[in-house]
């Protein structure tokens, strides 16, 4: 029977003993920030950032401010000493259940300050201890509203929510909560391993996506480069063809101008007797040169009967030139209606043509 009672009541007793130890530790920590109650020596010097609550004959009388103060002996007594400095209180570790039913172990640090010494002395038995308990319960309720995945992202909003909830309740105690910071969040080992595996899978997925995007960007860049190279090559070939065509046109134009200039000079020279003699000499020279190359080829060639008659061949060439000149002149006169031809102009041409026929 005793064994059964010990087994049943053991966890309950242990839990209560742990709560007492935590409560005693918190109270001892709170006493560190509180000065020792001074004695009434009539003339008192209150330190800076402290407020002394004085009672006269067991009733609240006034609050002594920093500096020189006077009290009546025996009747006045200093009942409470409140520190007006900002106090940092360590919130013990506690368990909480998130919205998705994950058990967490959380501890934190609470920063508070006494702004009304009267309310802090008479509004609650132990203001700092009350605020600590309120912070623990508020933390549990706020964590129950948040899922585990969003707990770490909404850590700041969680701290703000806890501070607002504490200030609503602690307003009647003369205490204001400045901020609350979650110091450590501990997860169960299996949940932590699952989260680690999830993070690794997410990072592998992100790496695969980045690698595929890199391959796609590389292929797009290669295709764009090939496209630009093809376009530039075609434009270069186009410009080259245009430049070649312009160059050939300029060359043909220059050759035509040079040949026209040369023919003009030859035509001017043929009007004189010396020019005709020079033309006859050049034709004879070309004839001899061409006749000398006939034996070098294996082709069958038909030659006229008077091949050896040099003078007749030169005369034939000159007569052909004069016939062409006459035809050009006739065509020019027929196309120019403003120019009227006279019989005297045509008569010499007929004589020349008859002379050519006789030759």
Protein backbone atom coordinates (compact mmCIF):
# COMPACT_ATOMS: atom_id res chain seq x y z
CA UNK A 1 0.00 0.00 0.00
CA UNK A 2 2.82 2.41 0.87
CA UNK A 3 4.56 1.50 -2.37
CA UNK A 4 1.39 2.32 -4.35
CA UNK A 5 0.98 5.66 -2.56
CA UNK A 6 4.60 6.57 -3.16
CA UNK A 7 4.28 5.65 -6.82
CA UNK A 8 1.07 7.71 -7.17
CA UNK A 9 1.99 10.74 -5.08
CA UNK A 10 5.66 10.81 -6.05
CA UNK A 11 5.29 12.85 -9.29
CA UNK A 12 2.87 15.27 -7.63
CA UNK A 13 5.20 15.90 -4.65
CA UNK A 14 8.17 16.29 -6.96
CA UNK A 15 6.30 18.80 -9.11
CA UNK A 16 5.28 20.86 -6.09
CA UNK A 17 8.80 20.81 -4.69
CA UNK A 18 10.11 22.02 -8.04
CA UNK A 19 7.58 24.84 -8.09
CA UNK A 20 8.62 25.90 -4.58
CA UNK A 21 12.28 25.91 -5.54
CA UNK A 22 11.52 28.05 -8.64
CA UNK A 23 9.38 30.41 -6.55
CA UNK A 24 12.07 30.74 -3.85
CA UNK A 25 14.74 31.39 -6.48
CA UNK A 26 12.62 34.07 -8.12
CA UNK A 27 11.98 35.78 -4.79
CA UNK A 28 15.65 35.70 -3.87
CA UNK A 29 16.44 37.21 -7.23
CA UNK A 30 13.89 39.95 -6.67
CA UNK A 31 15.41 40.81 -3.28
CA UNK A 32 18.67 41.67 -5.02
CA UNK A 33 17.09 44.78 -6.49
CA UNK A 34 15.53 45.96 -3.25
CA UNK A 35 17.37 47.99 -0.64
CA UNK A 36 17.27 47.15 3.06
CA UNK A 37 14.58 48.98 5.03
CA UNK A 38 16.30 51.96 6.68
CA UNK A 39 15.62 53.23 10.22
CA UNK A 40 13.92 56.50 11.04
CA UNK A 41 16.73 58.85 12.10
CA UNK A 42 14.62 62.03 11.72
CA UNK A 43 17.02 63.36 9.06
CA UNK A 44 17.13 61.04 6.07
CA UNK A 45 18.95 61.10 2.73
CA UNK A 46 17.11 59.14 0.04
CA UNK A 47 19.38 57.81 -2.76
CA UNK A 48 18.73 58.64 -6.42
CA UNK A 49 16.28 56.37 -8.30
CA UNK A 50 14.66 55.13 -5.08
CA UNK A 51 11.27 55.87 -3.51
CA UNK A 52 10.66 55.35 0.22
CA UNK A 53 7.06 54.76 1.31
CA UNK A 54 6.41 56.23 4.80
CA UNK A 55 3.55 55.27 7.10
CA UNK A 56 2.43 57.36 10.09
CA UNK A 57 0.87 55.32 12.84
CA UNK A 58 0.32 52.40 10.43
CA UNK A 59 -1.30 54.48 7.65
CA UNK A 60 0.24 55.68 4.42
CA UNK A 61 1.64 59.16 4.88
CA UNK A 62 3.83 60.08 1.91
CA UNK A 63 6.58 58.95 -0.44
CA UNK A 64 10.05 60.33 0.14
CA UNK A 65 11.81 61.63 -2.97
CA UNK A 66 15.61 61.48 -3.49
CA UNK A 67 17.51 64.01 -1.39
CA UNK A 68 17.06 65.45 2.12
CA UNK A 69 13.90 64.48 4.03
CA UNK A 70 12.64 64.89 7.63
CA UNK A 71 10.46 62.48 9.62
CA UNK A 72 8.96 62.40 13.10
CA UNK A 73 10.48 59.81 15.35
CA UNK A 74 8.36 56.96 16.69
CA UNK A 75 5.26 58.05 14.72
CA UNK A 76 6.74 57.73 11.22
CA UNK A 77 8.22 54.53 9.89
CA UNK A 78 9.64 53.55 6.50
CA UNK A 79 7.51 50.64 5.35
CA UNK A 80 8.57 50.01 1.71
CA UNK A 81 11.58 50.86 -0.44
CA UNK A 82 10.98 50.73 -4.20
CA UNK A 83 13.74 50.91 -6.80
CA UNK A 84 12.86 53.09 -9.77
CA UNK A 85 15.59 51.57 -11.98
CA UNK A 86 14.89 49.20 -14.86
CA UNK A 87 15.00 45.64 -13.57
CA UNK A 88 15.84 42.54 -15.60
CA UNK A 89 14.11 39.39 -14.34
CA UNK A 90 14.94 35.94 -15.66
CA UNK A 91 11.86 33.94 -16.54
CA UNK A 92 12.43 30.25 -15.68
CA UNK A 93 12.16 27.56 -18.35
CA UNK A 94 8.63 26.34 -18.94
CA UNK A 95 6.84 24.08 -21.36
CA UNK A 96 4.26 25.30 -23.86
CA UNK A 97 2.25 23.68 -26.63
CA UNK A 98 2.10 25.33 -30.03
CA UNK A 99 -0.92 25.52 -32.31
CA UNK A 100 0.11 22.32 -34.14
CA UNK A 101 0.53 20.38 -30.84
CA UNK A 102 4.32 20.51 -30.52
CA UNK A 103 5.71 20.70 -26.99
CA UNK A 104 8.33 23.45 -26.57
CA UNK A 105 10.59 24.49 -23.71
CA UNK A 106 11.02 28.26 -23.56
CA UNK A 107 12.71 30.71 -21.24
CA UNK A 108 13.20 34.44 -21.47
CA UNK A 109 14.12 37.72 -19.83
CA UNK A 110 11.63 40.35 -18.66
CA UNK A 111 12.54 44.04 -18.35
CA UNK A 112 10.27 46.11 -16.11
CA UNK A 113 10.26 49.35 -14.14
CA UNK A 114 8.31 50.78 -11.16
CA UNK A 115 6.64 54.07 -12.08
CA UNK A 116 4.30 54.39 -9.01
CA UNK A 117 5.79 53.42 -5.64
CA UNK A 118 2.40 53.59 -3.87
CA UNK A 119 0.71 51.10 -6.25
CA UNK A 120 3.76 48.83 -6.28
CA UNK A 121 3.67 48.72 -2.45
CA UNK A 122 -0.06 48.43 -1.78
CA UNK A 123 -1.49 47.12 -5.06
CA UNK A 124 0.06 43.65 -4.85
CA UNK A 125 1.95 41.66 -2.25
CA UNK A 126 5.02 41.03 -4.42
CA UNK A 127 4.89 42.97 -7.67
CA UNK A 128 7.92 41.41 -9.33
CA UNK A 129 6.83 37.87 -8.50
CA UNK A 130 3.33 38.59 -9.81
CA UNK A 131 4.71 39.98 -13.05
CA UNK A 132 6.94 36.91 -13.47
CA UNK A 133 3.99 34.54 -13.10
CA UNK A 134 1.95 36.68 -15.46
CA UNK A 135 4.75 36.55 -18.05
CA UNK A 136 4.84 32.74 -17.88
CA UNK A 137 1.10 32.32 -18.34
CA UNK A 138 0.96 34.94 -21.10
CA UNK A 139 3.82 33.22 -22.91
CA UNK A 140 1.95 29.91 -22.87
CA UNK A 141 -1.25 31.48 -24.22
CA UNK A 142 0.57 33.42 -26.98
CA UNK A 143 2.56 30.37 -28.13
CA UNK A 144 -0.67 28.34 -28.30
CA UNK A 145 -1.85 30.73 -31.02
CA UNK A 146 1.19 30.22 -33.28
CA UNK A 147 2.28 27.17 -35.29
CA UNK A 148 5.79 25.82 -35.00
CA UNK A 149 6.80 26.80 -38.54
CA UNK A 150 5.89 30.45 -37.94
CA UNK A 151 7.15 30.63 -34.35
CA UNK A 152 10.72 31.59 -35.28
CA UNK A 153 9.60 34.09 -37.92
CA UNK A 154 7.07 35.75 -35.58
CA UNK A 155 9.39 35.91 -32.60
CA UNK A 156 9.32 39.70 -32.52
CA UNK A 157 5.52 39.87 -32.73
CA UNK A 158 5.35 37.24 -29.96
CA UNK A 159 7.50 39.43 -27.69
CA UNK A 160 5.31 42.47 -28.41
CA UNK A 161 2.15 40.50 -27.66
CA UNK A 162 3.50 39.33 -24.31
CA UNK A 163 4.51 42.89 -23.34
CA UNK A 164 1.05 44.26 -24.21
CA UNK A 165 -0.69 41.53 -22.20
CA UNK A 166 1.55 42.11 -19.16
CA UNK A 167 1.05 45.91 -19.23
CA UNK A 168 -2.73 45.53 -19.24
CA UNK A 169 -2.64 43.48 -16.04
CA UNK A 170 0.27 45.27 -14.34
CA UNK A 171 -1.16 48.76 -14.72
CA UNK A 172 -2.86 48.48 -11.31
CA UNK A 173 0.43 47.41 -9.70
CA UNK A 174 2.40 50.55 -10.59
CA UNK A 175 4.74 48.56 -12.85
CA UNK A 176 5.34 48.95 -16.57
CA UNK A 177 6.87 46.16 -18.69
CA UNK A 178 9.36 47.67 -21.12
CA UNK A 179 10.18 44.59 -23.20
CA UNK A 180 10.27 40.83 -23.14
CA UNK A 181 12.86 38.74 -24.95
CA UNK A 182 12.66 35.01 -25.63
CA UNK A 183 16.10 33.72 -24.81
CA UNK A 184 15.98 30.07 -25.82
CA UNK A 185 13.54 27.72 -27.55
CA UNK A 186 14.20 24.00 -27.21
CA UNK A 187 12.41 21.42 -29.33
CA UNK A 188 12.00 17.66 -28.83
CA UNK A 189 14.85 15.68 -30.47
CA UNK A 190 12.62 13.97 -33.04
CA UNK A 191 10.99 17.22 -34.06
CA UNK A 192 14.40 18.85 -34.37
CA UNK A 193 15.64 15.99 -36.59
CA UNK A 194 12.53 16.27 -38.78
CA UNK A 195 13.05 20.03 -39.14
CA UNK A 196 16.71 19.45 -40.02
CA UNK A 197 15.72 16.94 -42.72
CA UNK A 198 13.14 19.39 -44.05
CA UNK A 199 15.73 22.15 -44.23
CA UNK A 200 18.20 19.87 -46.04
CA UNK A 201 15.51 18.79 -48.53
CA UNK A 202 14.54 22.40 -49.13
CA UNK A 203 18.14 23.39 -49.75
CA UNK A 204 18.68 20.46 -52.14
CA UNK A 205 15.54 21.48 -54.00
CA UNK A 206 16.75 25.06 -54.19
CA UNK A 207 20.16 23.94 -55.42
CA UNK A 208 18.56 21.76 -58.13
CA UNK A 209 16.33 24.62 -59.25
CA UNK A 210 19.27 27.03 -59.35
CA UNK A 211 21.35 24.53 -61.32
CA UNK A 212 18.56 24.02 -63.87
CA UNK A 213 18.08 27.78 -64.17
CA UNK A 214 21.82 28.14 -64.70
CA UNK A 215 21.78 25.53 -67.49
CA UNK A 216 18.79 27.24 -69.09
CA UNK A 217 20.44 30.66 -68.91
CA UNK A 218 23.63 29.21 -70.39
CA UNK A 219 21.74 27.65 -73.31
CA UNK A 220 19.83 30.87 -73.90
CA UNK A 221 23.06 32.85 -73.85
CA UNK A 222 24.67 30.42 -76.31
CA UNK A 223 21.66 30.64 -78.63
CA UNK A 224 21.65 34.43 -78.40
CA UNK A 225 25.38 34.47 -79.12
CA UNK A 226 24.96 32.22 -82.15
CA UNK A 227 22.07 34.34 -83.38
CA UNK A 228 24.01 37.57 -82.98
CA UNK A 229 27.08 36.03 -84.63
CA UNK A 230 24.98 34.86 -87.61
CA UNK A 231 23.34 38.26 -87.95
CA UNK A 232 26.67 40.06 -87.75
CA UNK A 233 28.25 37.64 -90.24
CA UNK A 234 25.38 38.14 -92.71
CA UNK A 235 25.57 41.91 -92.29
CA UNK A 236 29.33 41.75 -92.80
CA UNK A 237 28.90 39.62 -95.95
CA UNK A 238 26.24 42.03 -97.19
CA UNK A 239 28.50 45.02 -96.64
CA UNK A 240 31.34 43.13 -98.31
CA UNK A 241 29.19 42.40 -101.38
CA UNK A 242 28.05 46.02 -101.51
CA UNK A 243 31.60 47.25 -101.22
CA UNK A 244 32.76 44.80 -103.90
CA UNK A 245 29.93 45.84 -106.21
CA UNK A 246 30.71 49.51 -105.63
CA UNK A 247 34.38 48.82 -106.25
CA UNK A 248 33.68 46.91 -109.46
CA UNK A 249 31.30 49.65 -110.61
CA UNK A 250 33.92 52.28 -109.92
CA UNK A 251 36.55 50.18 -111.73
CA UNK A 252 34.28 49.67 -114.77
CA UNK A 253 33.41 53.36 -114.76
CA UNK A 254 37.07 54.31 -114.55
CA UNK A 255 38.00 51.85 -117.35
CA UNK A 256 35.13 53.13 -119.49
CA UNK A 257 36.17 56.73 -118.92
CA UNK A 258 39.78 55.88 -119.70
CA UNK A 259 38.79 53.94 -122.85
CA UNK A 260 36.45 56.73 -123.94
CA UNK A 261 39.24 59.23 -123.39
CA UNK A 262 41.66 57.01 -125.34
CA UNK A 263 39.17 56.55 -128.20
CA UNK A 264 38.56 60.28 -128.27
CA UNK A 265 42.27 60.90 -128.58
CA UNK A 266 42.56 58.23 -131.30
CA UNK A 267 39.61 59.73 -133.14
CA UNK A 268 41.17 63.18 -132.99
CA UNK A 269 44.46 61.80 -134.27
CA UNK A 270 42.82 59.91 -137.14
CA UNK A 271 41.55 63.20 -138.56
CA UNK A 272 45.13 64.03 -139.58
CA UNK A 273 47.36 62.29 -142.10
CA UNK A 274 49.96 61.40 -139.48
CA UNK A 275 47.32 59.82 -137.27
CA UNK A 276 46.10 57.61 -140.09
CA UNK A 277 49.65 56.55 -140.87
CA UNK A 278 50.23 55.68 -137.20
CA UNK A 279 47.01 53.65 -137.13
CA UNK A 280 48.06 51.82 -140.31
CA UNK A 281 51.41 51.04 -138.74
CA UNK A 282 49.84 49.71 -135.54
CA UNK A 283 47.39 47.53 -137.47
CA UNK A 284 50.21 46.11 -139.57
CA UNK A 285 52.26 45.40 -136.48
CA UNK A 286 49.35 43.58 -134.78
CA UNK A 287 48.69 41.64 -138.02
CA UNK A 288 52.29 40.44 -138.21
CA UNK A 289 52.25 39.50 -134.54
CA UNK A 290 49.00 37.53 -134.88
CA UNK A 291 50.19 35.83 -138.09
CA UNK A 292 53.40 34.76 -136.33
CA UNK A 293 51.39 32.98 -133.60
CA UNK A 294 49.30 30.91 -135.99
CA UNK A 295 51.89 28.12 -136.27
CA UNK A 296 52.05 27.69 -132.49
CA UNK A 297 48.56 26.23 -132.18
CA UNK A 298 47.13 22.95 -133.44
CA UNK A 299 43.77 24.39 -134.51
CA UNK A 300 42.57 24.29 -138.11
CA UNK A 301 42.34 27.88 -139.43
CA UNK A 302 40.86 29.25 -142.70
CA UNK A 303 43.09 31.99 -144.14
CA UNK A 304 42.31 34.41 -146.98
CA UNK A 305 44.17 34.06 -150.30
CA UNK A 306 45.92 37.41 -149.97
CA UNK A 307 47.47 36.70 -146.58
CA UNK A 308 50.89 37.87 -147.69
CA UNK A 309 49.58 41.18 -149.08
CA UNK A 310 50.19 43.48 -146.12
CA UNK A 311 48.97 46.67 -147.78
CA UNK A 312 45.63 45.18 -148.78
CA UNK A 313 45.01 43.92 -145.24
CA UNK A 314 45.76 47.37 -143.72
CA UNK A 315 43.53 49.04 -146.31
CA UNK A 316 40.70 46.61 -145.45
CA UNK A 317 40.99 47.41 -141.74
CA UNK A 318 40.93 51.17 -142.39
CA UNK A 319 37.94 50.85 -144.74
CA UNK A 320 36.04 48.94 -142.03
CA UNK A 321 36.76 51.72 -139.54
CA UNK A 322 35.59 54.40 -142.01
CA UNK A 323 32.37 52.50 -142.72
CA UNK A 324 31.63 52.28 -138.98
CA UNK A 325 32.36 55.98 -138.59
CA UNK A 326 29.99 56.83 -141.45
CA UNK A 327 27.15 54.74 -139.93
CA UNK A 328 27.64 56.39 -136.55
CA UNK A 329 27.48 59.83 -138.14
CA UNK A 330 24.27 58.99 -140.06
CA UNK A 331 22.58 57.64 -136.92
CA UNK A 332 23.58 60.73 -134.98
CA UNK A 333 22.18 63.08 -137.63
CA UNK A 334 18.91 61.11 -137.82
CA UNK A 335 18.40 61.33 -134.03
CA UNK A 336 19.12 65.09 -133.93
CA UNK A 337 16.25 66.87 -135.76
CA UNK A 338 17.77 70.27 -134.99
CA UNK A 339 20.77 69.45 -137.17
CA UNK A 340 20.03 69.61 -140.91
CA UNK A 341 22.38 67.78 -143.27
CA UNK A 342 23.35 69.41 -146.61
CA UNK A 343 24.12 67.60 -149.98
CA UNK A 344 27.64 68.90 -149.89
CA UNK A 345 28.13 67.11 -146.55
CA UNK A 346 26.86 63.76 -147.82
CA UNK A 347 28.71 63.81 -151.18
CA UNK A 348 32.22 63.20 -149.76
CA UNK A 349 30.89 60.26 -147.74
CA UNK A 350 29.55 58.62 -150.90
CA UNK A 351 32.86 59.05 -152.65
CA UNK A 352 34.70 57.51 -149.77
CA UNK A 353 32.34 54.53 -149.64
CA UNK A 354 32.81 53.96 -153.42
CA UNK A 355 36.53 54.07 -153.01
CA UNK A 356 36.28 51.46 -150.24
CA UNK A 357 34.20 49.18 -152.48
CA UNK A 358 36.79 49.41 -155.23
CA UNK A 359 39.53 48.47 -152.82
